[in-house]
Amino acid sequence: MWHLNGADKVAKQIILSVLSVCTLTLAGSGCGSTHTASKVATASDDSSVRPSTTIPSLVGTEWVQAGHFGYLRIDRENVGGSDGCNHFGGIGISGAPSRFVFGTDGLINKSPGWALVSTKMACFPEPSPAIDLPSLAWKSYVLEAQSLVIKTEAGDTLRFTRRAS
Protein backbone atom coordinates (compact mmCIF):
# COMPACT_ATOMS: atom_id res chain seq x y z
CA MET A 1 0.00 0.00 0.00
CA TRP A 2 1.37 3.41 -0.97
CA HIS A 3 1.33 6.32 1.45
CA LEU A 4 2.07 9.61 -0.28
CA ASN A 5 2.30 12.74 1.84
CA GLY A 6 1.93 15.88 -0.23
CA ALA A 7 3.17 14.41 -3.53
CA ASP A 8 1.26 15.17 -6.69
CA LYS A 9 0.52 12.70 -9.50
CA VAL A 10 3.64 13.60 -11.47
CA ALA A 11 5.89 13.06 -8.46
CA LYS A 12 4.12 9.75 -7.81
CA GLN A 13 4.88 8.60 -11.37
CA ILE A 14 8.55 9.53 -10.99
CA ILE A 15 8.75 7.74 -7.66
CA LEU A 16 7.10 4.62 -9.07
CA SER A 17 9.54 4.58 -12.01
CA VAL A 18 12.60 4.96 -9.77
CA LEU A 19 11.38 2.38 -7.28
CA SER A 20 10.57 -0.12 -10.02
CA VAL A 21 14.20 -0.02 -11.11
CA CYS A 22 15.39 -0.31 -7.48
CA THR A 23 13.07 -3.24 -6.85
CA LEU A 24 14.27 -5.10 -9.94
CA THR A 25 17.89 -4.47 -8.96
CA LEU A 26 17.39 -5.76 -5.42
CA ALA A 27 15.31 -8.75 -6.50
CA GLY A 28 17.87 -9.77 -9.11
CA SER A 29 20.80 -9.60 -6.70
CA GLY A 30 20.06 -12.97 -5.16
CA CYS A 31 19.26 -11.55 -1.75
CA GLY A 32 16.62 -14.22 -1.16
CA SER A 33 13.62 -11.94 -0.93
CA THR A 34 12.03 -9.36 -3.13
CA HIS A 35 12.01 -5.88 -1.68
CA THR A 36 9.39 -3.36 -2.69
CA ALA A 37 8.62 0.10 -1.53
CA SER A 38 5.64 0.18 0.77
CA LYS A 39 5.83 3.72 2.10
CA VAL A 40 6.93 6.75 0.11
CA ALA A 41 6.96 10.45 0.83
CA THR A 42 8.86 13.18 -0.99
CA ALA A 43 10.14 16.50 0.26
CA SER A 44 9.55 19.72 -1.60
CA ASP A 45 10.84 22.38 0.81
CA ASP A 46 13.97 24.36 -0.06
CA SER A 47 16.63 23.32 2.42
CA SER A 48 19.53 25.02 0.63
CA VAL A 49 19.99 27.46 3.53
CA ARG A 50 19.36 24.91 6.27
CA PRO A 51 21.86 22.70 8.12
CA SER A 52 23.11 19.81 6.00
CA THR A 53 24.09 17.50 8.86
CA THR A 54 22.48 16.35 12.09
CA ILE A 55 23.73 17.72 15.41
CA PRO A 56 26.63 15.56 16.65
CA SER A 57 24.88 14.40 19.85
CA LEU A 58 22.22 12.59 17.77
CA VAL A 59 24.46 11.01 15.12
CA GLY A 60 24.58 7.23 15.46
CA THR A 61 21.81 7.04 18.05
CA GLU A 62 18.83 4.69 18.04
CA TRP A 63 15.41 5.43 19.49
CA VAL A 64 12.35 3.36 20.45
CA GLN A 65 8.75 4.19 21.36
CA ALA A 66 7.14 2.69 24.46
CA GLY A 67 4.66 -0.03 23.52
CA HIS A 68 5.77 -0.08 19.86
CA PHE A 69 7.95 -2.47 17.85
CA GLY A 70 11.03 -1.32 15.96
CA TYR A 71 13.52 1.49 16.26
CA LEU A 72 14.63 4.74 14.60
CA ARG A 73 18.33 5.26 13.78
CA ILE A 74 19.62 8.78 13.22
CA ASP A 75 22.66 9.15 11.00
CA ARG A 76 24.61 12.25 10.02
CA GLU A 77 22.49 13.07 6.98
CA ASN A 78 19.59 10.62 7.08
CA VAL A 79 17.39 8.29 9.09
CA GLY A 80 16.66 4.58 8.95
CA GLY A 81 15.53 1.74 11.14
CA SER A 82 13.02 -1.04 11.47
CA ASP A 83 9.31 -1.31 12.26
CA GLY A 84 9.89 -4.68 13.91
CA CYS A 85 9.70 -6.58 10.61
CA ASN A 86 10.62 -4.34 7.68
CA HIS A 87 13.54 -1.96 7.34
CA PHE A 88 13.13 1.63 6.19
CA GLY A 89 15.39 4.47 5.16
CA GLY A 90 15.60 7.70 3.24
CA ILE A 91 16.64 7.89 -0.41
CA GLY A 92 17.06 10.64 -2.97
CA ILE A 93 14.69 10.56 -5.94
CA SER A 94 16.22 11.00 -9.42
CA GLY A 95 19.75 11.47 -8.09
CA ALA A 96 18.78 14.15 -5.57
CA PRO A 97 20.68 14.23 -2.28
CA SER A 98 18.96 12.30 0.47
CA ARG A 99 18.95 14.36 3.66
CA PHE A 100 16.76 14.15 6.74
CA VAL A 101 18.57 16.32 9.27
CA PHE A 102 17.98 17.24 12.91
CA GLY A 103 19.41 20.78 12.85
CA THR A 104 20.95 22.87 15.62
CA ASP A 105 17.89 25.14 15.47
CA GLY A 106 15.51 22.39 16.63
CA LEU A 107 14.04 22.00 13.14
CA ILE A 108 13.92 18.80 11.11
CA ASN A 109 15.06 19.56 7.56
CA LYS A 110 14.46 17.38 4.50
CA SER A 111 16.21 17.88 1.19
CA PRO A 112 14.06 18.31 -1.93
CA GLY A 113 13.62 14.89 -3.43
CA TRP A 114 13.95 13.04 -0.10
CA ALA A 115 11.77 9.95 0.11
CA LEU A 116 11.19 7.26 2.71
CA VAL A 117 11.09 3.68 1.45
CA SER A 118 10.55 0.41 3.24
CA THR A 119 10.98 -3.27 2.50
CA LYS A 120 7.76 -5.28 2.42
CA MET A 121 8.52 -8.70 3.84
CA ALA A 122 5.97 -11.28 4.90
CA CYS A 123 6.21 -11.30 8.68
CA PHE A 124 3.91 -13.50 10.67
CA PRO A 125 2.59 -12.40 12.93
CA GLU A 126 3.27 -8.83 11.88
CA PRO A 127 4.53 -6.81 14.86
CA SER A 128 1.97 -4.26 15.94
CA PRO A 129 1.93 -1.45 16.71
CA ALA A 130 5.00 -0.32 14.80
CA ILE A 131 6.92 2.85 15.61
CA ASP A 132 5.95 6.10 13.93
CA LEU A 133 7.99 6.27 10.72
CA PRO A 134 9.91 9.40 9.73
CA SER A 135 7.64 11.67 7.74
CA LEU A 136 7.52 14.97 5.90
CA ALA A 137 5.13 16.03 8.65
CA TRP A 138 7.95 15.89 11.23
CA LYS A 139 8.84 19.55 11.71
CA SER A 140 10.76 20.08 14.96
CA TYR A 141 12.31 18.27 17.89
CA VAL A 142 13.46 18.75 21.48
CA LEU A 143 15.88 16.61 23.47
CA GLU A 144 14.70 15.99 27.04
CA ALA A 145 17.19 13.86 29.03
CA GLN A 146 16.98 10.42 27.32
CA SER A 147 13.91 11.39 25.26
CA LEU A 148 13.56 12.74 21.73
CA VAL A 149 10.27 14.62 21.38
CA ILE A 150 9.12 15.29 17.82
CA LYS A 151 6.41 17.75 16.84
CA THR A 152 4.47 17.31 13.60
CA GLU A 153 2.85 19.91 11.33
CA ALA A 154 -0.52 18.97 12.82
CA GLY A 155 0.76 19.64 16.35
CA ASP A 156 1.01 15.97 17.34
CA THR A 157 3.80 14.95 19.71
CA LEU A 158 5.84 11.78 19.21
CA ARG A 159 8.08 10.64 22.07
CA PHE A 160 11.06 8.35 21.55
CA THR A 161 13.44 6.99 24.22
CA ARG A 162 17.11 6.40 23.55
CA ARG A 163 17.78 2.72 22.90
CA ALA A 164 20.36 1.13 25.16
CA SER A 165 23.47 0.08 23.25
C-alpha atoms as a PDB file:
ATOM      1  CA  MET A   1       0.000   0.000   0.000  1.00  0.00           C
ATOM      2  CA  TRP A   2       1.366   3.411  -0.974  1.00  0.00           C
ATOM      3  CA  HIS A   3       1.326   6.320   1.446  1.00  0.00           C
ATOM      4  CA  LEU A   4       2.069   9.614  -0.283  1.00  0.00           C
ATOM      5  CA  ASN A   5       2.299  12.736   1.844  1.00  0.00           C
ATOM      6  CA  GLY A   6       1.927  15.882  -0.226  1.00  0.00           C
ATOM      7  CA  ALA A   7       3.173  14.410  -3.533  1.00  0.00           C
ATOM      8  CA  ASP A   8       1.256  15.174  -6.690  1.00  0.00           C
ATOM      9  CA  LYS A   9       0.515  12.702  -9.504  1.00  0.00           C
ATOM     10  CA  VAL A  10       3.641  13.602 -11.474  1.00  0.00           C
ATOM     11  CA  ALA A  11       5.887  13.061  -8.458  1.00  0.00           C
ATOM     12  CA  LYS A  12       4.121   9.750  -7.811  1.00  0.00           C
ATOM     13  CA  GLN A  13       4.880   8.597 -11.369  1.00  0.00           C
ATOM     14  CA  ILE A  14       8.546   9.532 -10.994  1.00  0.00           C
ATOM     15  CA  ILE A  15       8.748   7.736  -7.658  1.00  0.00           C
ATOM     16  CA  LEU A  16       7.103   4.615  -9.068  1.00  0.00           C
ATOM     17  CA  SER A  17       9.544   4.582 -12.006  1.00  0.00           C
ATOM     18  CA  VAL A  18      12.603   4.956  -9.771  1.00  0.00           C
ATOM     19  CA  LEU A  19      11.377   2.378  -7.282  1.00  0.00           C
ATOM     20  CA  SER A  20      10.572  -0.120 -10.023  1.00  0.00           C
ATOM     21  CA  VAL A  21      14.203  -0.021 -11.105  1.00  0.00           C
ATOM     22  CA  CYS A  22      15.394  -0.314  -7.478  1.00  0.00           C
ATOM     23  CA  THR A  23      13.067  -3.242  -6.848  1.00  0.00           C
ATOM     24  CA  LEU A  24      14.272  -5.102  -9.938  1.00  0.00           C
ATOM     25  CA  THR A  25      17.891  -4.471  -8.964  1.00  0.00           C
ATOM     26  CA  LEU A  26      17.392  -5.758  -5.418  1.00  0.00           C
ATOM     27  CA  ALA A  27      15.307  -8.751  -6.505  1.00  0.00           C
ATOM     28  CA  GLY A  28      17.867  -9.767  -9.107  1.00  0.00           C
ATOM     29  CA  SER A  29      20.798  -9.596  -6.700  1.00  0.00           C
ATOM     30  CA  GLY A  30      20.062 -12.975  -5.159  1.00  0.00           C
ATOM     31  CA  CYS A  31      19.259 -11.546  -1.755  1.00  0.00           C
ATOM     32  CA  GLY A  32      16.618 -14.220  -1.161  1.00  0.00           C
ATOM     33  CA  SER A  33      13.625 -11.943  -0.925  1.00  0.00           C
ATOM     34  CA  THR A  34      12.031  -9.364  -3.133  1.00  0.00           C
ATOM     35  CA  HIS A  35      12.009  -5.875  -1.685  1.00  0.00           C
ATOM     36  CA  THR A  36       9.385  -3.362  -2.685  1.00  0.00           C
ATOM     37  CA  ALA A  37       8.623   0.101  -1.534  1.00  0.00           C
ATOM     38  CA  SER A  38       5.638   0.184   0.773  1.00  0.00           C
ATOM     39  CA  LYS A  39       5.832   3.724   2.104  1.00  0.00           C
ATOM     40  CA  VAL A  40       6.934   6.745   0.105  1.00  0.00           C
ATOM     41  CA  ALA A  41       6.964  10.448   0.827  1.00  0.00           C
ATOM     42  CA  THR A  42       8.862  13.183  -0.995  1.00  0.00           C
ATOM     43  CA  ALA A  43      10.141  16.501   0.264  1.00  0.00           C
ATOM     44  CA  SER A  44       9.554  19.716  -1.597  1.00  0.00           C
ATOM     45  CA  ASP A  45      10.841  22.384   0.806  1.00  0.00           C
ATOM     46  CA  ASP A  46      13.971  24.362  -0.057  1.00  0.00           C
ATOM     47  CA  SER A  47      16.635  23.316   2.422  1.00  0.00           C
ATOM     48  CA  SER A  48      19.533  25.019   0.635  1.00  0.00           C
ATOM     49  CA  VAL A  49      19.989  27.460   3.526  1.00  0.00           C
ATOM     50  CA  ARG A  50      19.356  24.911   6.266  1.00  0.00           C
ATOM     51  CA  PRO A  51      21.864  22.700   8.118  1.00  0.00           C
ATOM     52  CA  SER A  52      23.111  19.808   6.000  1.00  0.00           C
ATOM     53  CA  THR A  53      24.092  17.496   8.858  1.00  0.00           C
ATOM     54  CA  THR A  54      22.476  16.355  12.091  1.00  0.00           C
ATOM     55  CA  ILE A  55      23.735  17.721  15.406  1.00  0.00           C
ATOM     56  CA  PRO A  56      26.635  15.559  16.653  1.00  0.00           C
ATOM     57  CA  SER A  57      24.878  14.404  19.849  1.00  0.00           C
ATOM     58  CA  LEU A  58      22.218  12.588  17.772  1.00  0.00           C
ATOM     59  CA  VAL A  59      24.465  11.008  15.125  1.00  0.00           C
ATOM     60  CA  GLY A  60      24.575   7.229  15.455  1.00  0.00           C
ATOM     61  CA  THR A  61      21.814   7.045  18.053  1.00  0.00           C
ATOM     62  CA  GLU A  62      18.830   4.692  18.037  1.00  0.00           C
ATOM     63  CA  TRP A  63      15.405   5.427  19.490  1.00  0.00           C
ATOM     64  CA  VAL A  64      12.349   3.358  20.451  1.00  0.00           C
ATOM     65  CA  GLN A  65       8.754   4.192  21.360  1.00  0.00           C
ATOM     66  CA  ALA A  66       7.145   2.686  24.464  1.00  0.00           C
ATOM     67  CA  GLY A  67       4.664  -0.025  23.521  1.00  0.00           C
ATOM     68  CA  HIS A  68       5.770  -0.078  19.860  1.00  0.00           C
ATOM     69  CA  PHE A  69       7.945  -2.472  17.847  1.00  0.00           C
ATOM     70  CA  GLY A  70      11.029  -1.324  15.957  1.00  0.00           C
ATOM     71  CA  TYR A  71      13.519   1.492  16.260  1.00  0.00           C
ATOM     72  CA  LEU A  72      14.628   4.738  14.599  1.00  0.00           C
ATOM     73  CA  ARG A  73      18.327   5.259  13.780  1.00  0.00           C
ATOM     74  CA  ILE A  74      19.619   8.778  13.219  1.00  0.00           C
ATOM     75  CA  ASP A  75      22.664   9.152  10.997  1.00  0.00           C
ATOM     76  CA  ARG A  76      24.614  12.255  10.023  1.00  0.00           C
ATOM     77  CA  GLU A  77      22.490  13.067   6.978  1.00  0.00           C
ATOM     78  CA  ASN A  78      19.589  10.624   7.075  1.00  0.00           C
ATOM     79  CA  VAL A  79      17.390   8.287   9.091  1.00  0.00           C
ATOM     80  CA  GLY A  80      16.660   4.583   8.952  1.00  0.00           C
ATOM     81  CA  GLY A  81      15.532   1.737  11.139  1.00  0.00           C
ATOM     82  CA  SER A  82      13.016  -1.037  11.465  1.00  0.00           C
ATOM     83  CA  ASP A  83       9.315  -1.306  12.259  1.00  0.00           C
ATOM     84  CA  GLY A  84       9.894  -4.682  13.912  1.00  0.00           C
ATOM     85  CA  CYS A  85       9.702  -6.577  10.608  1.00  0.00           C
ATOM     86  CA  ASN A  86      10.623  -4.341   7.679  1.00  0.00           C
ATOM     87  CA  HIS A  87      13.538  -1.964   7.336  1.00  0.00           C
ATOM     88  CA  PHE A  88      13.131   1.631   6.190  1.00  0.00           C
ATOM     89  CA  GLY A  89      15.385   4.468   5.159  1.00  0.00           C
ATOM     90  CA  GLY A  90      15.596   7.700   3.236  1.00  0.00           C
ATOM     91  CA  ILE A  91      16.637   7.886  -0.410  1.00  0.00           C
ATOM     92  CA  GLY A  92      17.061  10.642  -2.972  1.00  0.00           C
ATOM     93  CA  ILE A  93      14.693  10.561  -5.937  1.00  0.00           C
ATOM     94  CA  SER A  94      16.224  11.005  -9.416  1.00  0.00           C
ATOM     95  CA  GLY A  95      19.749  11.474  -8.092  1.00  0.00           C
ATOM     96  CA  ALA A  96      18.779  14.153  -5.573  1.00  0.00           C
ATOM     97  CA  PRO A  97      20.680  14.233  -2.284  1.00  0.00           C
ATOM     98  CA  SER A  98      18.963  12.303   0.470  1.00  0.00           C
ATOM     99  CA  ARG A  99      18.950  14.356   3.658  1.00  0.00           C
ATOM    100  CA  PHE A 100      16.758  14.150   6.736  1.00  0.00           C
ATOM    101  CA  VAL A 101      18.570  16.320   9.267  1.00  0.00           C
ATOM    102  CA  PHE A 102      17.980  17.243  12.907  1.00  0.00           C
ATOM    103  CA  GLY A 103      19.408  20.776  12.853  1.00  0.00           C
ATOM    104  CA  THR A 104      20.950  22.866  15.616  1.00  0.00           C
ATOM    105  CA  ASP A 105      17.895  25.144  15.474  1.00  0.00           C
ATOM    106  CA  GLY A 106      15.506  22.390  16.630  1.00  0.00           C
ATOM    107  CA  LEU A 107      14.037  22.000  13.135  1.00  0.00           C
ATOM    108  CA  ILE A 108      13.925  18.804  11.109  1.00  0.00           C
ATOM    109  CA  ASN A 109      15.060  19.559   7.559  1.00  0.00           C
ATOM    110  CA  LYS A 110      14.458  17.384   4.502  1.00  0.00           C
ATOM    111  CA  SER A 111      16.212  17.878   1.189  1.00  0.00           C
ATOM    112  CA  PRO A 112      14.063  18.312  -1.926  1.00  0.00           C
ATOM    113  CA  GLY A 113      13.615  14.886  -3.433  1.00  0.00           C
ATOM    114  CA  TRP A 114      13.952  13.044  -0.103  1.00  0.00           C
ATOM    115  CA  ALA A 115      11.768   9.946   0.114  1.00  0.00           C
ATOM    116  CA  LEU A 116      11.193   7.257   2.708  1.00  0.00           C
ATOM    117  CA  VAL A 117      11.086   3.680   1.446  1.00  0.00           C
ATOM    118  CA  SER A 118      10.555   0.411   3.236  1.00  0.00           C
ATOM    119  CA  THR A 119      10.982  -3.268   2.500  1.00  0.00           C
ATOM    120  CA  LYS A 120       7.760  -5.281   2.422  1.00  0.00           C
ATOM    121  CA  MET A 121       8.522  -8.701   3.837  1.00  0.00           C
ATOM    122  CA  ALA A 122       5.967 -11.283   4.901  1.00  0.00           C
ATOM    123  CA  CYS A 123       6.209 -11.297   8.682  1.00  0.00           C
ATOM    124  CA  PHE A 124       3.905 -13.498  10.674  1.00  0.00           C
ATOM    125  CA  PRO A 125       2.590 -12.403  12.930  1.00  0.00           C
ATOM    126  CA  GLU A 126       3.268  -8.834  11.880  1.00  0.00           C
ATOM    127  CA  PRO A 127       4.526  -6.807  14.856  1.00  0.00           C
ATOM    128  CA  SER A 128       1.967  -4.258  15.942  1.00  0.00           C
ATOM    129  CA  PRO A 129       1.925  -1.450  16.713  1.00  0.00           C
ATOM    130  CA  ALA A 130       5.000  -0.323  14.803  1.00  0.00           C
ATOM    131  CA  ILE A 131       6.917   2.848  15.607  1.00  0.00           C
ATOM    132  CA  ASP A 132       5.949   6.104  13.932  1.00  0.00           C
ATOM    133  CA  LEU A 133       7.994   6.267  10.722  1.00  0.00           C
ATOM    134  CA  PRO A 134       9.908   9.400   9.735  1.00  0.00           C
ATOM    135  CA  SER A 135       7.640  11.669   7.740  1.00  0.00           C
ATOM    136  CA  LEU A 136       7.519  14.969   5.899  1.00  0.00           C
ATOM    137  CA  ALA A 137       5.126  16.029   8.653  1.00  0.00           C
ATOM    138  CA  TRP A 138       7.954  15.890  11.226  1.00  0.00           C
ATOM    139  CA  LYS A 139       8.843  19.554  11.711  1.00  0.00           C
ATOM    140  CA  SER A 140      10.757  20.082  14.962  1.00  0.00           C
ATOM    141  CA  TYR A 141      12.314  18.274  17.893  1.00  0.00           C
ATOM    142  CA  VAL A 142      13.458  18.746  21.480  1.00  0.00           C
ATOM    143  CA  LEU A 143      15.880  16.612  23.471  1.00  0.00           C
ATOM    144  CA  GLU A 144      14.696  15.993  27.041  1.00  0.00           C
ATOM    145  CA  ALA A 145      17.194  13.860  29.026  1.00  0.00           C
ATOM    146  CA  GLN A 146      16.979  10.421  27.319  1.00  0.00           C
ATOM    147  CA  SER A 147      13.907  11.391  25.256  1.00  0.00           C
ATOM    148  CA  LEU A 148      13.557  12.741  21.728  1.00  0.00           C
ATOM    149  CA  VAL A 149      10.269  14.618  21.383  1.00  0.00           C
ATOM    150  CA  ILE A 150       9.123  15.287  17.815  1.00  0.00           C
ATOM    151  CA  LYS A 151       6.406  17.748  16.836  1.00  0.00           C
ATOM    152  CA  THR A 152       4.467  17.315  13.601  1.00  0.00           C
ATOM    153  CA  GLU A 153       2.849  19.912  11.330  1.00  0.00           C
ATOM    154  CA  ALA A 154      -0.522  18.966  12.824  1.00  0.00           C
ATOM    155  CA  GLY A 155       0.759  19.640  16.346  1.00  0.00           C
ATOM    156  CA  ASP A 156       1.006  15.967  17.337  1.00  0.00           C
ATOM    157  CA  THR A 157       3.797  14.947  19.708  1.00  0.00           C
ATOM    158  CA  LEU A 158       5.837  11.777  19.208  1.00  0.00           C
ATOM    159  CA  ARG A 159       8.076  10.643  22.071  1.00  0.00           C
ATOM    160  CA  PHE A 160      11.062   8.349  21.554  1.00  0.00           C
ATOM    161  CA  THR A 161      13.440   6.995  24.225  1.00  0.00           C
ATOM    162  CA  ARG A 162      17.114   6.399  23.547  1.00  0.00           C
ATOM    163  CA  ARG A 163      17.777   2.720  22.896  1.00  0.00           C
ATOM    164  CA  ALA A 164      20.361   1.133  25.165  1.00  0.00           C
ATOM    165  CA  SER A 165      23.468   0.082  23.255  1.00  0.00           C
END
